């Protein structure tokens, strides 16, 4: 059964890390990602049109994944669907909305 695609792109990925600075060194020095600070203490790593948001376990930013421990990740998708369409589909599939529109 073919279903309508709801995902248009990946917006960003959030990595929960024990040490933001060592994570930045690895991804910057080894992979060439660019450090981005949108506000003090809020660090991301950019590459092309994507980015990795870094959340230190001792300084999580909201919203937060249910089990934010070092090594865990969550991701954010982009959609071109109207929000009502998306919510109806998630509801029909039994996907709970923890936080949202």
Protein backbone atom coordinates (compact mmCIF):
# COMPACT_ATOMS: atom_id res chain seq x y z
CA UNK A 1 0.00 0.00 0.00
CA UNK A 2 1.46 3.33 -1.05
CA UNK A 3 0.99 6.28 1.30
CA UNK A 4 1.42 9.97 0.76
CA UNK A 5 4.92 11.12 1.73
CA UNK A 6 4.78 13.51 4.68
CA UNK A 7 8.50 14.22 4.98
CA UNK A 8 10.03 16.79 2.64
CA UNK A 9 13.49 16.95 4.23
CA UNK A 10 15.45 16.56 7.43
CA UNK A 11 15.59 19.92 9.20
CA UNK A 12 18.15 19.07 11.87
CA UNK A 13 19.46 16.34 14.13
CA UNK A 14 19.97 16.82 17.86
CA UNK A 15 22.85 14.98 19.53
CA UNK A 16 22.90 14.69 23.30
CA UNK A 17 26.54 14.77 24.36
CA UNK A 18 28.57 14.66 27.56
CA UNK A 19 31.08 17.25 26.33
CA UNK A 20 30.11 19.88 23.75
CA UNK A 21 33.67 21.14 23.21
CA UNK A 22 35.19 17.73 22.48
CA UNK A 23 32.24 16.99 20.18
CA UNK A 24 32.89 20.26 18.32
CA UNK A 25 36.58 19.42 18.00
CA UNK A 26 35.85 16.00 16.52
CA UNK A 27 33.19 17.10 14.04
CA UNK A 28 35.10 20.28 13.19
CA UNK A 29 38.65 18.93 12.95
CA UNK A 30 37.85 15.52 11.47
CA UNK A 31 34.77 16.22 9.34
CA UNK A 32 35.04 19.97 8.74
CA UNK A 33 31.66 20.98 10.23
CA UNK A 34 31.27 24.65 11.17
CA UNK A 35 30.53 25.68 14.76
CA UNK A 36 27.43 27.90 15.06
CA UNK A 37 26.31 29.63 18.27
CA UNK A 38 22.83 31.12 18.01
CA UNK A 39 22.98 32.33 21.62
CA UNK A 40 25.42 31.76 24.50
CA UNK A 41 25.59 28.06 25.32
CA UNK A 42 23.49 26.97 22.35
CA UNK A 43 25.84 25.24 19.91
CA UNK A 44 25.23 23.61 16.55
CA UNK A 45 27.47 22.24 13.83
CA UNK A 46 26.62 23.22 10.28
CA UNK A 47 27.24 21.39 7.02
CA UNK A 48 25.67 22.32 3.70
CA UNK A 49 22.00 22.99 4.37
CA UNK A 50 21.96 20.74 7.45
CA UNK A 51 23.00 21.03 11.06
CA UNK A 52 23.57 19.06 14.21
CA UNK A 53 22.28 20.76 17.35
CA UNK A 54 24.32 19.79 20.40
CA UNK A 55 22.67 19.40 23.78
CA UNK A 56 24.96 18.83 26.75
CA UNK A 57 23.42 16.47 29.30
CA UNK A 58 23.95 19.10 31.99
CA UNK A 59 22.34 21.87 29.90
CA UNK A 60 19.47 20.54 27.82
CA UNK A 61 17.41 22.87 25.63
CA UNK A 62 13.67 22.39 25.25
CA UNK A 63 11.95 20.59 23.74
CA UNK A 64 13.94 17.56 24.93
CA UNK A 65 13.81 13.94 23.84
CA UNK A 66 12.22 11.56 26.33
CA UNK A 67 15.52 9.92 27.26
CA UNK A 68 18.26 12.47 26.63
CA UNK A 69 21.47 10.64 27.55
CA UNK A 70 24.93 10.92 25.97
CA UNK A 71 24.86 9.18 22.61
CA UNK A 72 21.14 9.59 22.06
CA UNK A 73 19.73 11.64 19.22
CA UNK A 74 16.47 12.99 17.94
CA UNK A 75 15.63 14.48 14.61
CA UNK A 76 13.33 17.08 13.16
CA UNK A 77 11.71 16.68 9.75
CA UNK A 78 10.31 19.31 7.42
CA UNK A 79 6.95 18.80 5.77
CA UNK A 80 5.08 20.65 3.08
CA UNK A 81 1.76 19.21 4.24
CA UNK A 82 -0.82 21.35 6.06
CA UNK A 83 -0.57 20.81 9.81
CA UNK A 84 -4.11 19.41 9.95
CA UNK A 85 -3.22 16.71 7.43
CA UNK A 86 -0.14 15.77 9.41
CA UNK A 87 -2.00 15.65 12.74
CA UNK A 88 -4.82 13.51 11.29
CA UNK A 89 -2.31 11.04 9.86
CA UNK A 90 -0.34 10.76 13.10
CA UNK A 91 -3.54 10.33 15.09
CA UNK A 92 -4.82 7.65 12.69
CA UNK A 93 -1.51 5.79 13.08
CA UNK A 94 -1.69 5.99 16.88
CA UNK A 95 1.32 8.33 17.20
CA UNK A 96 0.98 10.43 20.36
CA UNK A 97 1.73 14.15 20.19
CA UNK A 98 3.93 14.91 23.20
CA UNK A 99 4.43 18.58 22.43
CA UNK A 100 3.31 20.45 19.42
CA UNK A 101 1.00 22.76 17.59
